[in-house]
């Protein structure tokens, strides 16, 4: 099963500078043996700035540069970006590129919660997305999606044993606890490994950001299908490489019956 690198970075306003963070993260994760390298939601540009001016299609310069990095290092890169929507808004897109892939998952569940209205500027996606690396099927979800177990069960039904969740989690009282519980719960719901890769907490690096925007809290978390935390980072920028086992996902599903025993 592919080794997976999680690169917890702190994106800024400039897509070009953020591309440098991707380059450094891919290099570090590849040195650790990673074959899939995951970055947070909004890797292209952080929330709290106008998104329309930075949005590009999947064949645009930013995604093409990430694709070139993936090819150079022979990895699959998963990273959050923004693509244009037909109605003048943007889509919150997770780019998957490398290993014969170049595609995007458009975030389905938009963060209209805790006083933030993502749907004002972002159009929702409609379709779950999976991709294959070396025979292992990966599902993709984004940040607020983690509150919706139906998506994770649908990805498991589509063959996923691993779900990667790029995130830019909003700060606030109890939000870290919610993040950790939700990552573990979605793993239990689906029997999948769930790998939540979040934006680093800007405060951990002394960076001032728009306090009303979800700009990250860190604490990227890896849970197996039994809800056990297998790895967790701190608040600041950091990279970790983890091994996950398909057999654990199969054992979790058999033991809990969470998929087989559904009635609704």
C-alpha atoms as a PDB file:
ATOM      1  CA  UNK A   1       0.000   0.000   0.000  1.00  0.00           C
ATOM      2  CA  UNK A   2       1.431   3.438  -0.854  1.00  0.00           C
ATOM      3  CA  UNK A   3       3.172   5.454   1.853  1.00  0.00           C
ATOM      4  CA  UNK A   4       1.399   8.769   2.344  1.00  0.00           C
ATOM      5  CA  UNK A   5       2.929  12.106   3.268  1.00  0.00           C
ATOM      6  CA  UNK A   6       0.891  14.806   5.011  1.00  0.00           C
ATOM      7  CA  UNK A   7       2.299  18.311   4.580  1.00  0.00           C
ATOM      8  CA  UNK A   8       0.775  20.683   7.124  1.00  0.00           C
ATOM      9  CA  UNK A   9       1.666  24.093   5.728  1.00  0.00           C
ATOM     10  CA  UNK A  10       0.548  27.658   6.280  1.00  0.00           C
ATOM     11  CA  UNK A  11      -0.592  29.068   2.942  1.00  0.00           C
ATOM     12  CA  UNK A  12      -0.348  32.778   2.239  1.00  0.00           C
ATOM     13  CA  UNK A  13      -2.083  35.066  -0.222  1.00  0.00           C
ATOM     14  CA  UNK A  14       0.326  34.516  -3.142  1.00  0.00           C
ATOM     15  CA  UNK A  15      -0.165  31.333  -5.221  1.00  0.00           C
ATOM     16  CA  UNK A  16       3.423  31.525  -6.451  1.00  0.00           C
ATOM     17  CA  UNK A  17       4.848  31.582  -2.943  1.00  0.00           C
ATOM     18  CA  UNK A  18       2.503  28.753  -1.971  1.00  0.00           C
ATOM     19  CA  UNK A  19       3.829  26.732  -4.891  1.00  0.00           C
ATOM     20  CA  UNK A  20       7.246  26.987  -3.238  1.00  0.00           C
ATOM     21  CA  UNK A  21       5.718  25.435  -0.104  1.00  0.00           C
ATOM     22  CA  UNK A  22       4.353  22.590  -2.232  1.00  0.00           C
ATOM     23  CA  UNK A  23       7.759  22.061  -3.794  1.00  0.00           C
ATOM     24  CA  UNK A  24       9.465  21.878  -0.393  1.00  0.00           C
ATOM     25  CA  UNK A  25       6.769  19.594   0.999  1.00  0.00           C
ATOM     26  CA  UNK A  26       6.908  17.166  -1.910  1.00  0.00           C
ATOM     27  CA  UNK A  27      10.700  16.992  -1.624  1.00  0.00           C
ATOM     28  CA  UNK A  28      10.591  16.293   2.107  1.00  0.00           C
ATOM     29  CA  UNK A  29       7.800  13.714   1.860  1.00  0.00           C
ATOM     30  CA  UNK A  30       9.462  11.922  -1.054  1.00  0.00           C
ATOM     31  CA  UNK A  31      12.690  11.689   0.945  1.00  0.00           C
ATOM     32  CA  UNK A  32      10.614   9.893   3.568  1.00  0.00           C
ATOM     33  CA  UNK A  33       9.404   7.384   0.979  1.00  0.00           C
ATOM     34  CA  UNK A  34       5.977   8.866   0.281  1.00  0.00           C
ATOM     35  CA  UNK A  35       4.243   7.906  -2.948  1.00  0.00           C
ATOM     36  CA  UNK A  36       1.189  10.091  -2.288  1.00  0.00           C
ATOM     37  CA  UNK A  37       1.699  13.597  -0.855  1.00  0.00           C
ATOM     38  CA  UNK A  38      -1.292  15.430   0.618  1.00  0.00           C
ATOM     39  CA  UNK A  39      -1.540  19.178   1.250  1.00  0.00           C
ATOM     40  CA  UNK A  40      -4.348  21.166   2.923  1.00  0.00           C
ATOM     41  CA  UNK A  41      -7.448  22.787   1.523  1.00  0.00           C
ATOM     42  CA  UNK A  42      -6.671  26.258   0.134  1.00  0.00           C
ATOM     43  CA  UNK A  43      -3.028  25.399  -0.539  1.00  0.00           C
ATOM     44  CA  UNK A  44      -3.187  27.630  -3.621  1.00  0.00           C
ATOM     45  CA  UNK A  45      -4.275  30.665  -1.558  1.00  0.00           C
ATOM     46  CA  UNK A  46      -5.621  30.931   1.966  1.00  0.00           C
ATOM     47  CA  UNK A  47      -9.125  31.965   2.894  1.00  0.00           C
ATOM     48  CA  UNK A  48      -9.711  35.563   3.909  1.00  0.00           C
ATOM     49  CA  UNK A  49      -8.621  37.057   0.586  1.00  0.00           C
ATOM     50  CA  UNK A  50     -10.629  37.439  -2.671  1.00  0.00           C
ATOM     51  CA  UNK A  51     -10.656  34.039  -4.364  1.00  0.00           C
ATOM     52  CA  UNK A  52     -11.923  34.970  -7.826  1.00  0.00           C
ATOM     53  CA  UNK A  53      -8.658  36.616  -8.959  1.00  0.00           C
ATOM     54  CA  UNK A  54      -6.588  33.506  -8.148  1.00  0.00           C
ATOM     55  CA  UNK A  55      -8.972  30.815  -9.458  1.00  0.00           C
ATOM     56  CA  UNK A  56      -7.642  28.871 -12.448  1.00  0.00           C
ATOM     57  CA  UNK A  57      -8.834  25.801 -14.388  1.00  0.00           C
ATOM     58  CA  UNK A  58      -7.177  22.441 -13.864  1.00  0.00           C
ATOM     59  CA  UNK A  59      -5.122  23.004 -17.024  1.00  0.00           C
ATOM     60  CA  UNK A  60      -3.999  26.451 -15.833  1.00  0.00           C
ATOM     61  CA  UNK A  61      -0.485  27.469 -14.757  1.00  0.00           C
ATOM     62  CA  UNK A  62      -0.775  26.644 -11.046  1.00  0.00           C
ATOM     63  CA  UNK A  63      -2.163  23.125 -11.397  1.00  0.00           C
ATOM     64  CA  UNK A  64       0.217  22.473 -14.288  1.00  0.00           C
ATOM     65  CA  UNK A  65       3.160  23.468 -12.099  1.00  0.00           C
ATOM     66  CA  UNK A  66       1.997  21.061  -9.384  1.00  0.00           C
ATOM     67  CA  UNK A  67       1.641  18.353 -12.035  1.00  0.00           C
ATOM     68  CA  UNK A  68       5.225  18.987 -13.113  1.00  0.00           C
ATOM     69  CA  UNK A  69       6.403  18.611  -9.506  1.00  0.00           C
ATOM     70  CA  UNK A  70       4.500  15.352  -9.173  1.00  0.00           C
ATOM     71  CA  UNK A  71       6.082  14.026 -12.365  1.00  0.00           C
ATOM     72  CA  UNK A  72       9.560  15.172 -11.328  1.00  0.00           C
ATOM     73  CA  UNK A  73       9.348  13.313  -8.007  1.00  0.00           C
ATOM     74  CA  UNK A  74       7.234  10.380  -9.266  1.00  0.00           C
ATOM     75  CA  UNK A  75       4.450  10.924  -6.728  1.00  0.00           C
ATOM     76  CA  UNK A  76       0.746  11.690  -6.654  1.00  0.00           C
ATOM     77  CA  UNK A  77       0.073  15.139  -5.198  1.00  0.00           C
ATOM     78  CA  UNK A  78      -3.241  16.085  -3.582  1.00  0.00           C
ATOM     79  CA  UNK A  79      -3.659  19.813  -2.904  1.00  0.00           C
ATOM     80  CA  UNK A  80      -6.447  22.337  -2.420  1.00  0.00           C
ATOM     81  CA  UNK A  81      -6.956  25.042  -5.023  1.00  0.00           C
ATOM     82  CA  UNK A  82      -9.746  27.172  -6.520  1.00  0.00           C
ATOM     83  CA  UNK A  83     -11.214  26.783  -9.992  1.00  0.00           C
ATOM     84  CA  UNK A  84     -13.731  29.032 -11.797  1.00  0.00           C
ATOM     85  CA  UNK A  85     -17.435  28.153 -11.581  1.00  0.00           C
ATOM     86  CA  UNK A  86     -19.958  28.945 -14.307  1.00  0.00           C
ATOM     87  CA  UNK A  87     -21.988  31.345 -12.155  1.00  0.00           C
ATOM     88  CA  UNK A  88     -19.168  33.765 -11.339  1.00  0.00           C
ATOM     89  CA  UNK A  89     -18.255  32.091  -8.066  1.00  0.00           C
ATOM     90  CA  UNK A  90     -15.318  29.692  -7.690  1.00  0.00           C
ATOM     91  CA  UNK A  91     -15.182  26.023  -6.792  1.00  0.00           C
ATOM     92  CA  UNK A  92     -13.225  24.785  -3.807  1.00  0.00           C
ATOM     93  CA  UNK A  93     -11.287  22.091  -5.630  1.00  0.00           C
ATOM     94  CA  UNK A  94      -8.879  19.382  -4.522  1.00  0.00           C
ATOM     95  CA  UNK A  95      -6.360  18.737  -7.282  1.00  0.00           C
ATOM     96  CA  UNK A  96      -5.151  15.148  -7.702  1.00  0.00           C
ATOM     97  CA  UNK A  97      -2.194  14.940 -10.068  1.00  0.00           C
ATOM     98  CA  UNK A  98       0.562  12.458 -10.889  1.00  0.00           C
ATOM     99  CA  UNK A  99       0.717   8.741 -11.513  1.00  0.00           C
ATOM    100  CA  UNK A 100      -1.451   9.083 -14.610  1.00  0.00           C
ATOM    101  CA  UNK A 101      -4.042  11.249 -12.836  1.00  0.00           C
ATOM    102  CA  UNK A 102      -4.972  14.896 -13.304  1.00  0.00           C
ATOM    103  CA  UNK A 103      -8.412  15.588 -11.908  1.00  0.00           C
ATOM    104  CA  UNK A 104     -10.306  17.626  -9.365  1.00  0.00           C
ATOM    105  CA  UNK A 105     -12.808  16.990  -6.594  1.00  0.00           C
ATOM    106  CA  UNK A 106     -15.128  19.959  -6.030  1.00  0.00           C
ATOM    107  CA  UNK A 107     -16.135  20.314  -2.385  1.00  0.00           C
ATOM    108  CA  UNK A 108     -19.749  19.212  -1.976  1.00  0.00           C
ATOM    109  CA  UNK A 109     -20.631  20.521   1.496  1.00  0.00           C
ATOM    110  CA  UNK A 110     -19.927  24.236   1.848  1.00  0.00           C
ATOM    111  CA  UNK A 111     -19.000  25.857   5.144  1.00  0.00           C
ATOM    112  CA  UNK A 112     -22.088  27.936   5.873  1.00  0.00           C
ATOM    113  CA  UNK A 113     -21.615  27.587   9.604  1.00  0.00           C
ATOM    114  CA  UNK A 114     -20.089  29.248  12.669  1.00  0.00           C
ATOM    115  CA  UNK A 115     -20.771  32.679  11.148  1.00  0.00           C
ATOM    116  CA  UNK A 116     -18.967  32.026   7.845  1.00  0.00           C
ATOM    117  CA  UNK A 117     -20.791  31.729   4.489  1.00  0.00           C
ATOM    118  CA  UNK A 118     -18.585  29.874   2.028  1.00  0.00           C
ATOM    119  CA  UNK A 119     -21.451  29.605  -0.464  1.00  0.00           C
ATOM    120  CA  UNK A 120     -21.405  33.388  -0.996  1.00  0.00           C
ATOM    121  CA  UNK A 121     -18.265  32.976  -3.093  1.00  0.00           C
ATOM    122  CA  UNK A 122     -17.990  29.213  -3.689  1.00  0.00           C
ATOM    123  CA  UNK A 123     -20.265  26.970  -5.775  1.00  0.00           C
ATOM    124  CA  UNK A 124     -20.780  23.399  -4.513  1.00  0.00           C
ATOM    125  CA  UNK A 125     -19.670  20.253  -6.259  1.00  0.00           C
ATOM    126  CA  UNK A 126     -22.008  17.313  -6.781  1.00  0.00           C
ATOM    127  CA  UNK A 127     -19.970  14.133  -7.307  1.00  0.00           C
ATOM    128  CA  UNK A 128     -17.769  11.995  -5.023  1.00  0.00           C
ATOM    129  CA  UNK A 129     -14.320  11.278  -6.438  1.00  0.00           C
ATOM    130  CA  UNK A 130     -11.973   8.309  -6.081  1.00  0.00           C
ATOM    131  CA  UNK A 131      -8.596   7.524  -7.610  1.00  0.00           C
ATOM    132  CA  UNK A 132      -6.295   4.503  -7.650  1.00  0.00           C
ATOM    133  CA  UNK A 133      -2.624   4.342  -6.673  1.00  0.00           C
ATOM    134  CA  UNK A 134      -0.940   0.964  -7.014  1.00  0.00           C
ATOM    135  CA  UNK A 135      -4.228  -0.870  -6.613  1.00  0.00           C
ATOM    136  CA  UNK A 136      -5.305   1.092  -3.520  1.00  0.00           C
ATOM    137  CA  UNK A 137      -8.452   3.182  -3.958  1.00  0.00           C
ATOM    138  CA  UNK A 138      -8.433   6.631  -2.381  1.00  0.00           C
ATOM    139  CA  UNK A 139     -11.472   8.817  -1.762  1.00  0.00           C
ATOM    140  CA  UNK A 140     -11.370  12.593  -1.434  1.00  0.00           C
ATOM    141  CA  UNK A 141     -13.264  14.890   0.925  1.00  0.00           C
ATOM    142  CA  UNK A 142     -12.645  18.487   1.977  1.00  0.00           C
ATOM    143  CA  UNK A 143     -12.787  20.052   5.445  1.00  0.00           C
ATOM    144  CA  UNK A 144     -16.503  20.634   6.266  1.00  0.00           C
ATOM    145  CA  UNK A 145     -17.325  17.433   4.335  1.00  0.00           C
ATOM    146  CA  UNK A 146     -16.024  15.590   7.409  1.00  0.00           C
ATOM    147  CA  UNK A 147     -19.292  16.408   9.224  1.00  0.00           C
ATOM    148  CA  UNK A 148     -21.282  14.298   6.733  1.00  0.00           C
ATOM    149  CA  UNK A 149     -20.933  10.519   7.159  1.00  0.00           C
ATOM    150  CA  UNK A 150     -22.937   9.768   4.014  1.00  0.00           C
ATOM    151  CA  UNK A 151     -20.087  10.966   1.800  1.00  0.00           C
ATOM    152  CA  UNK A 152     -17.543   8.715   3.490  1.00  0.00           C
ATOM    153  CA  UNK A 153     -19.839   5.707   3.255  1.00  0.00           C
ATOM    154  CA  UNK A 154     -20.410   6.458  -0.430  1.00  0.00           C
ATOM    155  CA  UNK A 155     -16.647   6.550  -0.978  1.00  0.00           C
ATOM    156  CA  UNK A 156     -16.300   3.207   0.812  1.00  0.00           C
ATOM    157  CA  UNK A 157     -19.066   1.802  -1.393  1.00  0.00           C
ATOM    158  CA  UNK A 158     -17.029   3.008  -4.379  1.00  0.00           C
ATOM    159  CA  UNK A 159     -14.080   0.917  -3.186  1.00  0.00           C
ATOM    160  CA  UNK A 160     -12.080   3.383  -1.097  1.00  0.00           C
ATOM    161  CA  UNK A 161      -9.935   2.035   1.737  1.00  0.00           C
ATOM    162  CA  UNK A 162      -8.376   5.454   2.369  1.00  0.00           C
ATOM    163  CA  UNK A 163     -10.011   8.900   2.402  1.00  0.00           C
ATOM    164  CA  UNK A 164      -7.810  11.988   2.338  1.00  0.00           C
ATOM    165  CA  UNK A 165      -9.330  15.154   3.782  1.00  0.00           C
ATOM    166  CA  UNK A 166      -7.503  18.402   2.979  1.00  0.00           C
ATOM    167  CA  UNK A 167      -8.787  21.027   5.424  1.00  0.00           C
ATOM    168  CA  UNK A 168      -8.515  24.626   6.568  1.00  0.00           C
ATOM    169  CA  UNK A 169     -10.355  24.270   9.850  1.00  0.00           C
ATOM    170  CA  UNK A 170     -11.886  27.286  11.523  1.00  0.00           C
ATOM    171  CA  UNK A 171     -10.517  28.191  14.947  1.00  0.00           C
ATOM    172  CA  UNK A 172     -12.667  28.661  18.029  1.00  0.00           C
ATOM    173  CA  UNK A 173     -13.726  27.134  21.308  1.00  0.00           C
ATOM    174  CA  UNK A 174     -13.952  23.367  21.040  1.00  0.00           C
ATOM    175  CA  UNK A 175     -13.045  23.298  17.344  1.00  0.00           C
ATOM    176  CA  UNK A 176      -9.891  21.207  17.767  1.00  0.00           C
ATOM    177  CA  UNK A 177     -11.866  18.615  19.732  1.00  0.00           C
ATOM    178  CA  UNK A 178     -14.551  18.554  17.026  1.00  0.00           C
ATOM    179  CA  UNK A 179     -11.924  18.045  14.323  1.00  0.00           C
ATOM    180  CA  UNK A 180     -10.344  15.093  16.101  1.00  0.00           C
ATOM    181  CA  UNK A 181     -13.681  13.450  16.906  1.00  0.00           C
ATOM    182  CA  UNK A 182     -14.985  13.890  13.369  1.00  0.00           C
ATOM    183  CA  UNK A 183     -11.913  12.405  11.684  1.00  0.00           C
ATOM    184  CA  UNK A 184     -12.135   9.363  13.954  1.00  0.00           C
ATOM    185  CA  UNK A 185     -15.916   9.067  13.586  1.00  0.00           C
ATOM    186  CA  UNK A 186     -15.802   9.133   9.795  1.00  0.00           C
ATOM    187  CA  UNK A 187     -13.190   6.376   9.907  1.00  0.00           C
ATOM    188  CA  UNK A 188     -15.508   4.295  12.089  1.00  0.00           C
ATOM    189  CA  UNK A 189     -18.512   5.051   9.869  1.00  0.00           C
ATOM    190  CA  UNK A 190     -16.782   3.875   6.720  1.00  0.00           C
ATOM    191  CA  UNK A 191     -14.093   1.458   7.862  1.00  0.00           C
ATOM    192  CA  UNK A 192     -11.622   3.583   5.901  1.00  0.00           C
ATOM    193  CA  UNK A 193      -8.368   5.079   6.960  1.00  0.00           C
ATOM    194  CA  UNK A 194      -9.091   8.811   7.198  1.00  0.00           C
ATOM    195  CA  UNK A 195      -6.174  11.204   6.814  1.00  0.00           C
ATOM    196  CA  UNK A 196      -7.040  14.788   7.668  1.00  0.00           C
ATOM    197  CA  UNK A 197      -4.383  17.229   6.472  1.00  0.00           C
ATOM    198  CA  UNK A 198      -4.987  20.736   7.767  1.00  0.00           C
ATOM    199  CA  UNK A 199      -3.580  24.191   7.363  1.00  0.00           C
ATOM    200  CA  UNK A 200      -1.141  25.036  10.131  1.00  0.00           C
ATOM    201  CA  UNK A 201      -2.348  27.490  12.770  1.00  0.00           C
ATOM    202  CA  UNK A 202      -1.132  30.949  11.645  1.00  0.00           C
ATOM    203  CA  UNK A 203      -0.797  31.979  15.299  1.00  0.00           C
ATOM    204  CA  UNK A 204       1.802  29.240  15.808  1.00  0.00           C
ATOM    205  CA  UNK A 205       4.025  31.095  13.327  1.00  0.00           C
ATOM    206  CA  UNK A 206       3.099  34.588  14.524  1.00  0.00           C
ATOM    207  CA  UNK A 207       1.098  35.370  11.378  1.00  0.00           C
ATOM    208  CA  UNK A 208      -1.916  37.680  11.525  1.00  0.00           C
ATOM    209  CA  UNK A 209      -4.877  36.685   9.356  1.00  0.00           C
ATOM    210  CA  UNK A 210      -8.522  37.600   8.899  1.00  0.00           C
ATOM    211  CA  UNK A 211     -10.019  36.397  12.211  1.00  0.00           C
ATOM    212  CA  UNK A 212     -13.363  35.640  10.542  1.00  0.00           C
ATOM    213  CA  UNK A 213     -11.916  33.265   7.936  1.00  0.00           C
ATOM    214  CA  UNK A 214     -11.172  29.558   8.509  1.00  0.00           C
ATOM    215  CA  UNK A 215      -7.403  29.705   8.152  1.00  0.00           C
ATOM    216  CA  UNK A 216      -6.420  26.544  10.027  1.00  0.00           C
ATOM    217  CA  UNK A 217      -5.620  25.150  13.454  1.00  0.00           C
ATOM    218  CA  UNK A 218      -3.075  22.448  12.560  1.00  0.00           C
ATOM    219  CA  UNK A 219      -3.405  19.039  14.251  1.00  0.00           C
ATOM    220  CA  UNK A 220      -3.514  16.979  11.072  1.00  0.00           C
ATOM    221  CA  UNK A 221      -4.786  13.572  12.146  1.00  0.00           C
ATOM    222  CA  UNK A 222      -4.627  10.002  10.833  1.00  0.00           C
ATOM    223  CA  UNK A 223      -7.235   7.485  12.032  1.00  0.00           C
ATOM    224  CA  UNK A 224      -7.644   3.854  11.111  1.00  0.00           C
ATOM    225  CA  UNK A 225     -11.024   2.216  10.544  1.00  0.00           C
ATOM    226  CA  UNK A 226     -11.351   1.376  14.243  1.00  0.00           C
ATOM    227  CA  UNK A 227     -11.164   5.070  15.135  1.00  0.00           C
ATOM    228  CA  UNK A 228      -7.653   4.785  16.561  1.00  0.00           C
ATOM    229  CA  UNK A 229      -5.373   7.785  16.067  1.00  0.00           C
ATOM    230  CA  UNK A 230      -2.245   6.526  14.330  1.00  0.00           C
ATOM    231  CA  UNK A 231      -0.535   9.902  13.852  1.00  0.00           C
ATOM    232  CA  UNK A 232      -1.169  13.513  14.767  1.00  0.00           C
ATOM    233  CA  UNK A 233       0.773  16.716  14.205  1.00  0.00           C
ATOM    234  CA  UNK A 234       0.914  19.843  16.344  1.00  0.00           C
ATOM    235  CA  UNK A 235      -0.200  23.375  15.544  1.00  0.00           C
ATOM    236  CA  UNK A 236       2.664  24.565  13.366  1.00  0.00           C
ATOM    237  CA  UNK A 237       4.005  23.628   9.931  1.00  0.00           C
ATOM    238  CA  UNK A 238       5.212  20.027   9.820  1.00  0.00           C
ATOM    239  CA  UNK A 239       5.434  17.000   7.520  1.00  0.00           C
ATOM    240  CA  UNK A 240       4.827  13.359   8.422  1.00  0.00           C
ATOM    241  CA  UNK A 241       4.930  10.175   6.355  1.00  0.00           C
ATOM    242  CA  UNK A 242       2.626   7.337   7.387  1.00  0.00           C
ATOM    243  CA  UNK A 243       1.981   3.736   6.396  1.00  0.00           C
ATOM    244  CA  UNK A 244      -1.592   2.514   6.134  1.00  0.00           C
ATOM    245  CA  UNK A 245      -2.770  -1.073   5.626  1.00  0.00           C
ATOM    246  CA  UNK A 246      -5.726  -2.168   3.500  1.00  0.00           C
ATOM    247  CA  UNK A 247      -6.152  -5.201   5.755  1.00  0.00           C
ATOM    248  CA  UNK A 248      -7.001  -2.972   8.715  1.00  0.00           C
ATOM    249  CA  UNK A 249      -9.814  -1.350   6.728  1.00  0.00           C
ATOM    250  CA  UNK A 250     -11.237  -4.768   5.848  1.00  0.00           C
ATOM    251  CA  UNK A 251     -11.009  -5.945   9.461  1.00  0.00           C
ATOM    252  CA  UNK A 252     -12.709  -2.776  10.718  1.00  0.00           C
ATOM    253  CA  UNK A 253     -15.648  -3.175   8.354  1.00  0.00           C
ATOM    254  CA  UNK A 254     -16.087  -6.820   9.270  1.00  0.00           C
ATOM    255  CA  UNK A 255     -15.855  -6.151  13.003  1.00  0.00           C
ATOM    256  CA  UNK A 256     -18.176  -3.133  13.229  1.00  0.00           C
ATOM    257  CA  UNK A 257     -20.653  -4.038  10.510  1.00  0.00           C
ATOM    258  CA  UNK A 258     -21.091  -0.306   9.972  1.00  0.00           C
ATOM    259  CA  UNK A 259     -21.591  -0.747   6.227  1.00  0.00           C
ATOM    260  CA  UNK A 260     -23.080  -4.219   6.002  1.00  0.00           C
ATOM    261  CA  UNK A 261     -25.729  -3.610   8.688  1.00  0.00           C
ATOM    262  CA  UNK A 262     -27.114  -0.350   7.283  1.00  0.00           C
ATOM    263  CA  UNK A 263     -30.922  -0.165   7.086  1.00  0.00           C
ATOM    264  CA  UNK A 264     -31.356   3.420   5.856  1.00  0.00           C
END
